Structures are given as structure tokens and as C-alpha cells.
Amino acid sequence: MGLGSQIQSRDIKFKNINYLNKECIKGLIRFYYGLETSTIYNTNFELVSILIDIKDSIENSELTSKQKLIIKLYQEGFTEKQIGKKLNITQQGIHKCINSVCCKISMYLNNN
């Protein structure tokens, strides 16, 4: 399984899921929080499986406490700029951190 080119939250359609694609991982991280707090996904087993993969990978990818905080804020919908302002880190620093987390998650997902 993997997330590639299509995520549609209204229709809950997942196609070409690719866990090697950093942008797909970023999309899943952002998408995860909204779906976790909704009831829409309860009947979509493919989506539940993807959410479990993302949750497990965040918990088990050996992220630093700073990375975990940044990803938590990112999941909650804050922009990179807002996160940077909140944590007194440049937007570029936040962007690099999110990309680093996506790489760690991708490695975890593809090795497990």
C-alpha cells in the first residue's frame, strides 16, 4: 500500500498510494488529524488501515520531541509559517523538519 496522486476528502478516494513519495506522506499527516476526529472513516476499511499506518509510523519512527511537536501542530492544521512563529523557528526550519519527518515515516513504512 502506498499514497500517491489523489486524496479526496469528500469522496474518501485513495489511488496510487505511495509511501515513498514525501508529498504523499505530508498529505496523509495533514489529512490524518481531520479524519481521526470525524466519523466518516469508520466504514472505510482502506482508510482505517492507512490511518493506522500513519499513526504507527509517527509513534515508531524515532522522532525527536521537537519533530513530534511540529508534526502535531501540522496535523492540527497550522501552516509552516504559523508553526514557526509559535515556536520561534524560521519557516524554512519548519519545512526542513517536516520533510525530515516524512523521510523517517517513509523509511519506517517501507521497512515494516
N, C-alpha and C. Protein backbone atom coordinates (compact mmCIF):
# COMPACT_ATOMS: atom_id res chain seq x y z
N MET A 1 0.86 -1.18 0.00
CA MET A 1 0.00 0.00 0.00
C MET A 1 0.89 1.22 0.00
N GLY A 2 0.48 2.27 -0.56
CA GLY A 2 1.23 3.46 -0.56
C GLY A 2 0.31 4.68 -0.93
N LEU A 3 0.53 6.29 -0.83
CA LEU A 3 -0.41 7.40 -1.23
C LEU A 3 0.23 8.23 -2.30
N GLY A 4 -0.34 8.31 -3.39
CA GLY A 4 0.28 8.99 -4.50
C GLY A 4 -0.44 10.22 -4.93
N SER A 5 -1.17 10.13 -5.98
CA SER A 5 -1.62 11.32 -6.66
C SER A 5 -3.01 11.79 -6.29
N GLN A 6 -3.77 11.07 -5.55
CA GLN A 6 -5.15 11.52 -5.33
C GLN A 6 -5.61 11.28 -3.90
N ILE A 7 -5.98 12.39 -3.26
CA ILE A 7 -6.68 12.31 -1.97
C ILE A 7 -7.89 13.21 -2.12
N GLN A 8 -9.06 12.68 -1.93
CA GLN A 8 -10.27 13.49 -1.98
C GLN A 8 -11.02 13.25 -0.68
N SER A 9 -11.01 14.26 0.18
CA SER A 9 -11.62 14.07 1.49
C SER A 9 -13.13 13.90 1.43
N ARG A 10 -13.79 14.51 0.48
CA ARG A 10 -15.26 14.38 0.42
C ARG A 10 -15.68 12.99 -0.02
N ASP A 11 -14.99 12.46 -1.02
CA ASP A 11 -15.35 11.15 -1.54
C ASP A 11 -14.57 10.02 -0.86
N ILE A 12 -13.58 10.38 -0.08
CA ILE A 12 -12.70 9.41 0.57
C ILE A 12 -12.19 8.40 -0.46
N LYS A 13 -11.49 8.91 -1.48
CA LYS A 13 -10.91 8.06 -2.50
C LYS A 13 -9.39 8.14 -2.39
N PHE A 14 -8.76 6.99 -2.42
CA PHE A 14 -7.31 6.91 -2.37
C PHE A 14 -6.85 6.10 -3.56
N LYS A 15 -6.01 6.70 -4.38
CA LYS A 15 -5.48 6.00 -5.54
C LYS A 15 -3.98 6.22 -5.59
N ASN A 16 -3.29 5.24 -6.10
CA ASN A 16 -1.85 5.34 -6.27
C ASN A 16 -1.13 5.73 -4.98
N ILE A 17 -1.50 5.14 -3.90
CA ILE A 17 -0.88 5.46 -2.63
C ILE A 17 0.56 4.98 -2.66
N ASN A 18 1.48 5.89 -2.35
CA ASN A 18 2.90 5.59 -2.45
C ASN A 18 3.60 6.14 -1.22
N TYR A 19 4.00 5.25 -0.33
CA TYR A 19 4.66 5.68 0.90
C TYR A 19 6.09 6.15 0.65
N LEU A 20 6.60 6.04 -0.56
CA LEU A 20 7.93 6.57 -0.89
C LEU A 20 7.87 8.05 -1.27
N ASN A 21 6.69 8.54 -1.56
CA ASN A 21 6.51 9.92 -2.01
C ASN A 21 6.33 10.84 -0.80
N LYS A 22 7.29 11.75 -0.60
CA LYS A 22 7.29 12.65 0.54
C LYS A 22 6.05 13.53 0.57
N GLU A 23 5.60 13.98 -0.58
CA GLU A 23 4.40 14.82 -0.62
C GLU A 23 3.16 14.03 -0.22
N CYS A 24 3.13 12.77 -0.55
CA CYS A 24 2.01 11.91 -0.14
C CYS A 24 1.99 11.73 1.37
N ILE A 25 3.16 11.54 1.95
CA ILE A 25 3.26 11.40 3.40
C ILE A 25 2.79 12.68 4.07
N LYS A 26 3.21 13.84 3.54
CA LYS A 26 2.77 15.12 4.10
C LYS A 26 1.25 15.24 4.03
N GLY A 27 0.68 14.83 2.91
CA GLY A 27 -0.77 14.88 2.76
C GLY A 27 -1.48 13.98 3.75
N LEU A 28 -0.93 12.79 3.96
CA LEU A 28 -1.53 11.86 4.91
C LEU A 28 -1.45 12.38 6.34
N ILE A 29 -0.31 12.98 6.68
CA ILE A 29 -0.15 13.53 8.02
C ILE A 29 -1.19 14.61 8.25
N ARG A 30 -1.36 15.50 7.29
CA ARG A 30 -2.32 16.60 7.42
C ARG A 30 -3.74 16.06 7.46
N PHE A 31 -4.02 15.09 6.61
CA PHE A 31 -5.34 14.51 6.45
C PHE A 31 -5.73 13.68 7.67
N TYR A 32 -4.74 13.07 8.31
CA TYR A 32 -4.97 12.16 9.44
C TYR A 32 -5.76 12.80 10.57
N TYR A 33 -5.36 13.97 11.00
CA TYR A 33 -5.98 14.61 12.16
C TYR A 33 -7.47 14.84 11.91
N GLY A 34 -7.82 15.37 10.75
CA GLY A 34 -9.22 15.63 10.44
C GLY A 34 -10.05 14.37 10.39
N LEU A 35 -9.49 13.32 9.83
CA LEU A 35 -10.23 12.07 9.74
C LEU A 35 -10.32 11.36 11.07
N GLU A 36 -9.27 11.47 11.87
CA GLU A 36 -9.29 10.82 13.17
C GLU A 36 -10.39 11.39 14.06
N THR A 37 -10.69 12.66 13.87
CA THR A 37 -11.70 13.31 14.71
C THR A 37 -13.09 13.26 14.09
N SER A 38 -13.22 12.62 12.91
CA SER A 38 -14.55 12.51 12.29
C SER A 38 -15.05 11.08 12.38
N THR A 39 -16.28 10.88 11.97
CA THR A 39 -16.85 9.54 11.97
C THR A 39 -16.93 8.97 10.56
N ILE A 40 -16.53 9.72 9.57
CA ILE A 40 -16.63 9.29 8.18
C ILE A 40 -15.83 8.03 7.92
N TYR A 41 -14.64 7.94 8.50
CA TYR A 41 -13.74 6.84 8.17
C TYR A 41 -14.15 5.51 8.80
N ASN A 42 -15.08 5.50 9.73
CA ASN A 42 -15.43 4.27 10.44
C ASN A 42 -15.87 3.14 9.53
N THR A 43 -16.44 3.44 8.38
CA THR A 43 -16.92 2.40 7.48
C THR A 43 -15.99 2.16 6.29
N ASN A 44 -14.90 2.88 6.21
CA ASN A 44 -13.96 2.73 5.10
C ASN A 44 -12.72 2.00 5.60
N PHE A 45 -12.65 0.70 5.37
CA PHE A 45 -11.57 -0.11 5.92
C PHE A 45 -10.21 0.23 5.33
N GLU A 46 -10.19 0.62 4.05
CA GLU A 46 -8.92 1.03 3.44
C GLU A 46 -8.39 2.27 4.16
N LEU A 47 -9.27 3.20 4.43
CA LEU A 47 -8.88 4.42 5.11
C LEU A 47 -8.43 4.15 6.54
N VAL A 48 -9.13 3.27 7.23
CA VAL A 48 -8.74 2.91 8.60
C VAL A 48 -7.34 2.32 8.59
N SER A 49 -7.05 1.48 7.62
CA SER A 49 -5.72 0.87 7.51
C SER A 49 -4.64 1.92 7.29
N ILE A 50 -4.93 2.88 6.44
CA ILE A 50 -3.97 3.96 6.18
C ILE A 50 -3.75 4.79 7.44
N LEU A 51 -4.82 5.10 8.15
CA LEU A 51 -4.70 5.89 9.39
C LEU A 51 -3.87 5.15 10.43
N ILE A 52 -4.07 3.85 10.52
CA ILE A 52 -3.28 3.04 11.46
C ILE A 52 -1.81 3.08 11.06
N ASP A 53 -1.53 2.95 9.76
CA ASP A 53 -0.14 3.03 9.28
C ASP A 53 0.50 4.36 9.67
N ILE A 54 -0.21 5.45 9.45
CA ILE A 54 0.34 6.78 9.74
C ILE A 54 0.54 6.94 11.25
N LYS A 55 -0.45 6.56 12.03
CA LYS A 55 -0.33 6.69 13.49
C LYS A 55 0.86 5.87 14.00
N ASP A 56 0.96 4.62 13.57
CA ASP A 56 2.07 3.76 14.00
C ASP A 56 3.42 4.33 13.57
N SER A 57 3.48 4.84 12.36
CA SER A 57 4.76 5.36 11.87
C SER A 57 5.19 6.61 12.64
N ILE A 58 4.25 7.47 13.00
CA ILE A 58 4.58 8.65 13.79
C ILE A 58 5.08 8.23 15.17
N GLU A 59 4.43 7.24 15.75
CA GLU A 59 4.81 6.77 17.09
C GLU A 59 6.13 6.00 17.10
N ASN A 60 6.47 5.33 16.00
CA ASN A 60 7.61 4.42 16.00
C ASN A 60 8.78 4.83 15.11
N SER A 61 8.76 6.01 14.55
CA SER A 61 9.82 6.43 13.62
C SER A 61 10.99 7.12 14.30
N GLU A 62 11.07 7.02 15.61
CA GLU A 62 12.17 7.63 16.37
C GLU A 62 12.29 9.13 16.09
N LEU A 63 11.17 9.82 16.20
CA LEU A 63 11.15 11.26 16.03
C LEU A 63 11.62 11.93 17.32
N THR A 64 12.27 13.07 17.18
CA THR A 64 12.66 13.85 18.34
C THR A 64 11.42 14.51 18.93
N SER A 65 11.53 14.99 20.15
CA SER A 65 10.38 15.67 20.77
C SER A 65 9.99 16.91 19.97
N LYS A 66 10.97 17.60 19.41
CA LYS A 66 10.71 18.78 18.58
C LYS A 66 9.96 18.38 17.32
N GLN A 67 10.39 17.30 16.68
CA GLN A 67 9.71 16.82 15.48
C GLN A 67 8.28 16.41 15.79
N LYS A 68 8.08 15.73 16.90
CA LYS A 68 6.73 15.32 17.30
C LYS A 68 5.82 16.53 17.52
N LEU A 69 6.35 17.58 18.16
CA LEU A 69 5.57 18.79 18.40
C LEU A 69 5.20 19.46 17.08
N ILE A 70 6.17 19.57 16.19
CA ILE A 70 5.92 20.23 14.90
C ILE A 70 4.89 19.43 14.09
N ILE A 71 5.00 18.12 14.08
CA ILE A 71 4.04 17.29 13.34
C ILE A 71 2.65 17.38 13.97
N LYS A 72 2.59 17.42 15.28
CA LYS A 72 1.29 17.56 15.96
C LYS A 72 0.61 18.86 15.53
N LEU A 73 1.35 19.95 15.52
CA LEU A 73 0.79 21.23 15.10
C LEU A 73 0.41 21.20 13.62
N TYR A 74 1.25 20.57 12.80
CA TYR A 74 0.97 20.45 11.37
C TYR A 74 -0.31 19.64 11.15
N GLN A 75 -0.47 18.55 11.91
CA GLN A 75 -1.68 17.74 11.80
C GLN A 75 -2.92 18.55 12.16
N GLU A 76 -2.78 19.43 13.13
CA GLU A 76 -3.92 20.22 13.59
C GLU A 76 -4.29 21.34 12.63
N GLY A 77 -3.51 21.49 11.55
CA GLY A 77 -3.87 22.44 10.51
C GLY A 77 -3.07 23.73 10.50
N PHE A 78 -2.11 23.87 11.39
CA PHE A 78 -1.28 25.07 11.37
C PHE A 78 -0.38 25.03 10.14
N THR A 79 -0.14 26.20 9.55
CA THR A 79 0.77 26.29 8.41
C THR A 79 2.21 26.29 8.92
N GLU A 80 3.14 26.08 8.03
CA GLU A 80 4.55 26.11 8.40
C GLU A 80 4.91 27.47 9.00
N LYS A 81 4.38 28.52 8.41
CA LYS A 81 4.65 29.87 8.91
C LYS A 81 4.11 30.05 10.33
N GLN A 82 2.88 29.59 10.57
CA GLN A 82 2.28 29.70 11.90
C GLN A 82 3.04 28.88 12.94
N ILE A 83 3.47 27.70 12.56
CA ILE A 83 4.24 26.85 13.47
C ILE A 83 5.56 27.54 13.81
N GLY A 84 6.21 28.06 12.79
CA GLY A 84 7.47 28.76 13.00
C GLY A 84 7.33 29.93 13.95
N LYS A 85 6.29 30.70 13.76
CA LYS A 85 6.05 31.85 14.63
C LYS A 85 5.78 31.40 16.06
N LYS A 86 4.98 30.36 16.20
CA LYS A 86 4.62 29.85 17.52
C LYS A 86 5.83 29.30 18.28
N LEU A 87 6.75 28.64 17.55
CA LEU A 87 7.91 28.01 18.17
C LEU A 87 9.20 28.81 18.04
N ASN A 88 9.09 30.00 17.44
CA ASN A 88 10.26 30.87 17.23
C ASN A 88 11.33 30.16 16.40
N ILE A 89 10.89 29.55 15.30
CA ILE A 89 11.75 28.87 14.35
C ILE A 89 11.40 29.41 12.97
N THR A 90 12.38 29.52 12.09
CA THR A 90 12.08 30.03 10.75
C THR A 90 11.16 29.07 10.01
N GLN A 91 10.43 29.61 9.04
CA GLN A 91 9.56 28.78 8.22
C GLN A 91 10.38 27.73 7.48
N GLN A 92 11.58 28.11 7.04
CA GLN A 92 12.46 27.15 6.36
C GLN A 92 12.84 26.01 7.29
N GLY A 93 13.08 26.33 8.56
CA GLY A 93 13.41 25.30 9.54
C GLY A 93 12.26 24.33 9.75
N ILE A 94 11.05 24.88 9.79
CA ILE A 94 9.85 24.04 9.94
C ILE A 94 9.69 23.16 8.71
N HIS A 95 9.87 23.73 7.54
CA HIS A 95 9.75 22.98 6.29
C HIS A 95 10.75 21.82 6.26
N LYS A 96 11.99 22.10 6.62
CA LYS A 96 13.02 21.05 6.64
C LYS A 96 12.67 19.96 7.65
N CYS A 97 12.15 20.37 8.80
CA CYS A 97 11.77 19.41 9.83
C CYS A 97 10.65 18.50 9.33
N ILE A 98 9.63 19.08 8.73
CA ILE A 98 8.51 18.28 8.21
C ILE A 98 9.00 17.31 7.13
N ASN A 99 9.88 17.79 6.25
CA ASN A 99 10.43 16.91 5.22
C ASN A 99 11.25 15.78 5.84
N SER A 100 12.00 16.08 6.86
CA SER A 100 12.79 15.07 7.55
C SER A 100 11.88 14.01 8.18
N VAL A 101 10.80 14.47 8.81
CA VAL A 101 9.83 13.55 9.41
C VAL A 101 9.21 12.67 8.33
N CYS A 102 8.86 13.26 7.22
CA CYS A 102 8.26 12.49 6.12
C CYS A 102 9.22 11.41 5.62
N CYS A 103 10.50 11.73 5.55
CA CYS A 103 11.50 10.74 5.15
C CYS A 103 11.58 9.61 6.17
N LYS A 104 11.58 9.96 7.46
CA LYS A 104 11.62 8.93 8.51
C LYS A 104 10.38 8.04 8.46
N ILE A 105 9.23 8.65 8.25
CA ILE A 105 7.98 7.90 8.17
C ILE A 105 7.99 6.99 6.95
N SER A 106 8.45 7.52 5.84
CA SER A 106 8.52 6.73 4.61
C SER A 106 9.44 5.52 4.80
N MET A 107 10.59 5.74 5.41
CA MET A 107 11.51 4.63 5.67
C MET A 107 10.87 3.60 6.59
N TYR A 108 10.19 4.07 7.63
CA TYR A 108 9.52 3.16 8.57
C TYR A 108 8.46 2.34 7.84
N LEU A 109 7.62 3.00 7.07
CA LEU A 109 6.51 2.32 6.40
C LEU A 109 7.01 1.30 5.37
N ASN A 110 8.10 1.62 4.71
CA ASN A 110 8.60 0.74 3.67
C ASN A 110 9.47 -0.40 4.22
N ASN A 111 9.85 -0.31 5.48
CA ASN A 111 10.64 -1.37 6.11
C ASN A 111 9.80 -2.26 7.02
N ASN A 112 8.54 -1.93 7.20
CA ASN A 112 7.66 -2.72 8.07
C ASN A 112 6.45 -3.24 7.34
